[in-house]
């Protein structure tokens, strides 16, 4: 049975269960990252999340912020909690748990839901569910949760492009203004909050929480990205030095593999030190042969 960790998300009201990324999946992820194709990476990430959630009603209500948090949990469980940011010869150390806690705290008392009414039309808004936002039209499609017209609830996600355009044309100017005000409010809120906080010592301006561009996707790419060569080198060491079999490696995580290599290196170092210590000890002087006496 696959182990899953119970996790609290920034916006979704219930806890969800998240699994690790084993080496088999991680190797696939590294290959996708190496393509430098954001759409392919986005599809891969969405498939991982959907597989974990395994409930369409929950998955469809996850915002891009919730999905980002899920990937942070996966990174901590699979590759470790520590994260290093390199800046012109200097490094800043962060840990994933602190990022998760920070996001939860930021949104603990801040609602991203808004509802605006004009005559018989109600516009219900929230932040995007997707990582990839290309233009203003994408923002509209992602931000409008649903529209209620004369008590009929219309979900934007269920509409074809033609139906969507027809519905958008029905929205009066007053509600369109409300929508623009909402976008400005979210933008200002994000500009004042960070995924990575600024660090004046290293003249690092920080990484803002941006809900309407590809910041989350690029950040996920950076914290999971590694050279494929490094992955295969680690695999070679495990197979040839530690005699691990493929089935074990396939189902383990990179963090677990690195633990074993660390233990192996520490054991080899102890053996080397013990060998040096024994070889440097002075030998006992040769004792003279005692004469034997016969009775």
Protein backbone atom coordinates (compact mmCIF):
# COMPACT_ATOMS: atom_id res chain seq x y z
CA UNK A 1 0.00 0.00 0.00
CA UNK A 2 1.33 3.45 -0.95
CA UNK A 3 1.99 5.75 2.00
CA UNK A 4 0.13 9.07 1.86
CA UNK A 5 0.63 12.09 4.08
CA UNK A 6 -2.34 14.10 5.35
CA UNK A 7 -1.83 17.70 4.26
CA UNK A 8 -3.49 21.06 4.90
CA UNK A 9 -3.92 23.30 1.88
CA UNK A 10 -4.06 27.13 1.85
CA UNK A 11 -7.61 27.45 0.44
CA UNK A 12 -9.34 24.11 0.05
CA UNK A 13 -11.27 23.63 3.34
CA UNK A 14 -10.51 19.93 3.87
CA UNK A 15 -7.23 18.08 4.30
CA UNK A 16 -6.04 15.91 1.43
CA UNK A 17 -3.72 12.91 1.26
CA UNK A 18 -0.52 13.24 -0.75
CA UNK A 19 1.89 10.52 -1.89
CA UNK A 20 5.63 10.63 -2.51
CA UNK A 21 7.19 10.82 -5.94
CA UNK A 22 9.17 7.61 -6.35
CA UNK A 23 12.22 7.30 -8.57
CA UNK A 24 10.31 5.83 -11.47
CA UNK A 25 8.01 8.86 -11.61
CA UNK A 26 10.83 11.28 -10.82
CA UNK A 27 12.88 10.05 -13.78
CA UNK A 28 9.85 10.72 -16.00
CA UNK A 29 9.50 14.17 -14.47
CA UNK A 30 13.17 14.98 -15.12
CA UNK A 31 12.75 13.95 -18.74
CA UNK A 32 9.71 16.22 -19.09
CA UNK A 33 11.58 19.12 -17.43
CA UNK A 34 14.52 18.60 -19.82
CA UNK A 35 12.19 19.26 -22.77
CA UNK A 36 11.69 22.90 -21.63
CA UNK A 37 8.05 22.56 -22.62
CA UNK A 38 5.83 24.23 -20.03
CA UNK A 39 2.62 22.72 -21.40
CA UNK A 40 4.03 19.18 -21.12
CA UNK A 41 5.27 19.90 -17.61
CA UNK A 42 1.89 21.36 -16.64
CA UNK A 43 0.09 18.26 -17.95
CA UNK A 44 2.48 15.98 -16.06
CA UNK A 45 1.98 17.88 -12.78
CA UNK A 46 -1.80 17.91 -13.18
CA UNK A 47 -1.79 14.14 -13.75
CA UNK A 48 0.22 13.61 -10.53
CA UNK A 49 -2.21 15.72 -8.51
CA UNK A 50 -5.28 14.12 -10.05
CA UNK A 51 -3.94 10.65 -9.27
CA UNK A 52 -3.41 11.61 -5.62
CA UNK A 53 -6.77 13.29 -5.11
CA UNK A 54 -8.73 10.54 -6.87
CA UNK A 55 -11.98 12.48 -6.45
CA UNK A 56 -13.08 14.67 -9.34
CA UNK A 57 -15.30 16.86 -7.15
CA UNK A 58 -12.28 17.73 -4.96
CA UNK A 59 -9.82 18.08 -7.84
CA UNK A 60 -12.08 20.46 -9.78
CA UNK A 61 -12.26 22.79 -6.77
CA UNK A 62 -8.52 23.06 -6.19
CA UNK A 63 -7.03 26.46 -7.03
CA UNK A 64 -3.57 26.84 -8.55
CA UNK A 65 -2.39 27.88 -5.06
CA UNK A 66 -3.65 24.59 -3.58
CA UNK A 67 -2.00 22.61 -6.38
CA UNK A 68 1.24 24.51 -5.83
CA UNK A 69 1.10 23.61 -2.14
CA UNK A 70 0.54 19.93 -3.02
CA UNK A 71 3.71 19.98 -5.14
CA UNK A 72 5.64 21.56 -2.25
CA UNK A 73 4.53 18.68 -0.01
CA UNK A 74 5.59 16.19 -2.69
CA UNK A 75 8.98 17.84 -2.98
CA UNK A 76 9.55 17.72 0.80
CA UNK A 77 8.47 14.05 0.98
CA UNK A 78 10.51 12.91 -2.03
CA UNK A 79 13.63 15.07 -2.30
CA UNK A 80 13.94 16.49 1.21
CA UNK A 81 13.05 19.63 3.12
CA UNK A 82 16.15 21.70 2.36
CA UNK A 83 16.34 24.04 -0.61
CA UNK A 84 19.26 26.23 -1.71
CA UNK A 85 18.96 29.33 -3.87
CA UNK A 86 22.18 30.33 -5.67
CA UNK A 87 22.77 34.04 -6.27
CA UNK A 88 25.98 35.25 -7.93
CA UNK A 89 28.30 33.06 -5.91
CA UNK A 90 26.24 33.26 -2.71
CA UNK A 91 23.55 30.90 -1.46
CA UNK A 92 20.39 31.37 0.57
CA UNK A 93 18.99 28.36 2.41
CA UNK A 94 15.25 27.79 2.73
CA UNK A 95 13.17 24.84 3.80
CA UNK A 96 10.01 23.60 2.15
CA UNK A 97 8.03 23.26 5.37
CA UNK A 98 8.48 26.95 6.13
CA UNK A 99 7.15 27.85 2.65
CA UNK A 100 4.07 25.67 3.18
CA UNK A 101 3.43 27.15 6.63
CA UNK A 102 3.89 30.66 5.30
CA UNK A 103 1.32 30.14 2.51
CA UNK A 104 -1.19 28.67 4.95
CA UNK A 105 -0.71 31.60 7.33
CA UNK A 106 -1.06 34.22 4.58
CA UNK A 107 -4.43 32.89 3.44
CA UNK A 108 -5.71 31.76 6.85
CA UNK A 109 -7.78 34.93 7.32
CA UNK A 110 -8.07 36.12 3.74
CA UNK A 111 -10.86 34.98 1.46
CA UNK A 112 -10.29 34.93 -2.28
CA UNK A 113 -13.99 34.43 -2.99
CA UNK A 114 -16.11 37.38 -4.14
CA UNK A 115 -19.73 37.63 -5.24
CA UNK A 116 -21.21 40.59 -7.13
CA UNK A 117 -24.84 41.13 -8.10
CA UNK A 118 -26.51 43.41 -10.62
CA UNK A 119 -30.24 43.08 -11.30
CA UNK A 120 -30.89 39.36 -11.88
CA UNK A 121 -27.24 38.39 -12.55
CA UNK A 122 -24.77 37.19 -9.89
CA UNK A 123 -21.07 36.86 -10.65
CA UNK A 124 -19.10 34.48 -8.39
CA UNK A 125 -15.33 34.90 -8.55
CA UNK A 126 -12.27 33.08 -7.25
CA UNK A 127 -8.58 32.77 -8.11
CA UNK A 128 -7.45 30.61 -11.09
CA UNK A 129 -7.34 26.83 -11.01
CA UNK A 130 -4.74 26.54 -13.77
CA UNK A 131 -0.99 27.12 -13.68
CA UNK A 132 -0.81 28.44 -17.24
CA UNK A 133 -2.50 31.77 -17.88
CA UNK A 134 -1.80 33.19 -21.35
CA UNK A 135 -3.97 36.28 -21.68
CA UNK A 136 -6.86 38.29 -20.25
CA UNK A 137 -9.39 35.89 -21.75
CA UNK A 138 -7.72 33.03 -19.84
CA UNK A 139 -7.93 35.09 -16.66
CA UNK A 140 -11.65 35.67 -17.15
CA UNK A 141 -12.27 31.96 -17.76
CA UNK A 142 -10.29 31.02 -14.66
CA UNK A 143 -11.56 33.72 -12.30
CA UNK A 144 -15.29 33.43 -13.02
CA UNK A 145 -16.40 30.38 -11.06
CA UNK A 146 -19.97 30.61 -12.17
CA UNK A 147 -22.71 33.01 -13.20
CA UNK A 148 -26.25 32.89 -11.87
CA UNK A 149 -28.84 34.34 -14.28
CA UNK A 150 -32.40 34.37 -13.01
CA UNK A 151 -31.64 31.56 -10.54
CA UNK A 152 -29.96 29.40 -13.20
CA UNK A 153 -26.39 28.54 -12.20
CA UNK A 154 -23.95 28.33 -15.12
CA UNK A 155 -20.49 26.86 -14.57
CA UNK A 156 -17.88 28.39 -16.86
CA UNK A 157 -15.89 25.14 -17.07
CA UNK A 158 -18.84 23.32 -18.58
CA UNK A 159 -19.24 25.73 -21.51
CA UNK A 160 -17.95 25.48 -25.04
CA UNK A 161 -16.08 28.51 -26.40
CA UNK A 162 -19.16 29.61 -28.29
CA UNK A 163 -21.37 29.28 -25.20
CA UNK A 164 -18.76 31.06 -23.08
CA UNK A 165 -18.64 34.04 -25.47
CA UNK A 166 -22.44 34.27 -25.46
CA UNK A 167 -22.55 34.29 -21.65
CA UNK A 168 -19.77 36.89 -21.37
CA UNK A 169 -21.73 39.17 -23.68
CA UNK A 170 -24.61 39.06 -21.17
CA UNK A 171 -22.50 40.43 -18.31
CA UNK A 172 -23.38 44.11 -17.75
CA UNK A 173 -20.68 46.78 -17.53
CA UNK A 174 -21.19 47.15 -13.77
CA UNK A 175 -20.21 43.53 -13.16
CA UNK A 176 -17.31 43.78 -15.59
CA UNK A 177 -16.03 46.71 -13.51
CA UNK A 178 -16.39 44.56 -10.38
CA UNK A 179 -14.35 41.86 -12.07
CA UNK A 180 -11.55 44.31 -12.88
CA UNK A 181 -11.60 45.61 -9.30
CA UNK A 182 -11.27 42.03 -8.06
CA UNK A 183 -8.26 41.41 -10.31
CA UNK A 184 -6.58 44.59 -9.04
CA UNK A 185 -7.26 43.57 -5.44
CA UNK A 186 -5.73 40.13 -5.97
CA UNK A 187 -2.74 41.62 -7.76
CA UNK A 188 -2.06 44.09 -4.95
CA UNK A 189 -2.44 41.37 -2.33
CA UNK A 190 0.04 39.14 -4.16
CA UNK A 191 2.54 41.98 -4.59
CA UNK A 192 2.65 42.32 -0.80
CA UNK A 193 3.16 38.60 -0.10
CA UNK A 194 5.93 36.21 -1.03
CA UNK A 195 6.74 32.58 -1.76
CA UNK A 196 10.38 33.39 -0.93
CA UNK A 197 10.88 36.41 1.30
CA UNK A 198 13.34 39.16 0.31
CA UNK A 199 16.87 39.02 1.74
CA UNK A 200 18.63 42.39 1.94
CA UNK A 201 21.99 40.79 2.81
CA UNK A 202 22.14 39.16 -0.62
CA UNK A 203 20.11 41.90 -2.36
CA UNK A 204 17.46 39.30 -3.16
CA UNK A 205 14.08 40.86 -3.93
CA UNK A 206 12.12 37.72 -3.15
CA UNK A 207 9.56 35.80 -5.22
CA UNK A 208 6.02 37.15 -5.06
CA UNK A 209 2.90 35.01 -4.95
CA UNK A 210 1.56 35.60 -8.44
CA UNK A 211 -1.74 33.89 -9.17
CA UNK A 212 -2.11 35.10 -12.75
CA UNK A 213 1.11 34.13 -14.52
CA UNK A 214 3.40 31.06 -14.65
CA UNK A 215 5.30 31.77 -11.42
CA UNK A 216 4.01 28.64 -9.66
CA UNK A 217 4.88 26.40 -12.60
CA UNK A 218 8.40 27.82 -12.97
CA UNK A 219 8.99 27.54 -9.22
CA UNK A 220 7.94 23.87 -9.27
CA UNK A 221 10.32 23.31 -12.17
CA UNK A 222 13.19 24.88 -10.20
CA UNK A 223 12.68 22.85 -6.99
CA UNK A 224 12.33 19.50 -8.79
CA UNK A 225 14.79 20.13 -11.59
CA UNK A 226 18.11 18.30 -11.71
CA UNK A 227 20.42 17.04 -14.43
CA UNK A 228 19.43 13.64 -15.75
CA UNK A 229 23.12 12.69 -15.58
CA UNK A 230 23.07 13.18 -11.79
CA UNK A 231 20.08 10.86 -11.53
CA UNK A 232 21.78 8.13 -13.57
CA UNK A 233 25.05 8.51 -11.67
CA UNK A 234 23.22 7.96 -8.39
CA UNK A 235 21.49 4.94 -9.88
CA UNK A 236 24.86 3.54 -11.00
CA UNK A 237 26.34 3.90 -7.50
CA UNK A 238 23.36 2.18 -5.89
CA UNK A 239 23.43 -0.74 -8.31
CA UNK A 240 27.20 -1.26 -8.46
CA UNK A 241 28.42 -0.27 -5.00
CA UNK A 242 25.48 -0.94 -2.71
CA UNK A 243 24.05 -3.83 -4.77
CA UNK A 244 20.51 -2.44 -4.62
CA UNK A 245 18.06 -4.09 -7.02
CA UNK A 246 15.97 -2.19 -9.54
CA UNK A 247 12.63 -2.92 -7.87
CA UNK A 248 13.82 -1.31 -4.63
CA UNK A 249 15.22 1.68 -6.52
CA UNK A 250 12.08 2.13 -8.60
CA UNK A 251 9.79 2.33 -5.56
CA UNK A 252 12.14 4.42 -3.38
CA UNK A 253 12.55 8.19 -3.40
CA UNK A 254 15.68 10.18 -4.14
CA UNK A 255 15.81 11.23 -0.50
CA UNK A 256 15.86 7.59 0.65
CA UNK A 257 18.58 6.73 -1.88
CA UNK A 258 20.75 9.61 -0.69
CA UNK A 259 20.35 8.44 2.90
CA UNK A 260 21.73 5.01 1.95
CA UNK A 261 24.65 6.54 0.07
CA UNK A 262 25.36 8.77 3.07
CA UNK A 263 25.36 5.73 5.40
CA UNK A 264 27.57 3.83 2.96
CA UNK A 265 30.11 6.68 2.75
CA UNK A 266 30.15 7.06 6.55
CA UNK A 267 30.72 3.31 6.97
CA UNK A 268 33.54 3.33 4.42
CA UNK A 269 35.13 6.28 6.20
CA UNK A 270 34.97 4.46 9.55
CA UNK A 271 36.55 1.37 8.02
CA UNK A 272 39.31 3.47 6.45
CA UNK A 273 40.05 5.24 9.73
CA UNK A 274 40.07 1.92 11.59
CA UNK A 275 42.47 0.48 9.02
CA UNK A 276 44.81 3.48 9.32
CA UNK A 277 44.66 3.27 13.11
CA UNK A 278 45.57 -0.42 13.19
CA UNK A 279 48.43 -0.02 10.71
CA UNK A 280 49.94 2.88 12.65
CA UNK A 281 50.07 0.99 15.98
CA UNK A 282 53.68 -0.06 16.99
CA UNK A 283 54.31 -3.79 16.76
CA UNK A 284 55.13 -5.72 19.94
CA UNK A 285 58.86 -6.47 20.40
CA UNK A 286 59.89 -10.05 19.75
CA UNK A 287 60.20 -11.94 23.03
CA UNK A 288 63.24 -14.18 23.55
CA UNK A 289 62.63 -17.92 23.37
CA UNK A 290 62.47 -19.41 26.82
CA UNK A 291 64.66 -22.51 27.32
CA UNK A 292 62.79 -25.70 27.95
CA UNK A 293 63.64 -27.87 30.95
CA UNK A 294 63.28 -31.55 31.18
CA UNK A 295 62.44 -33.18 34.42
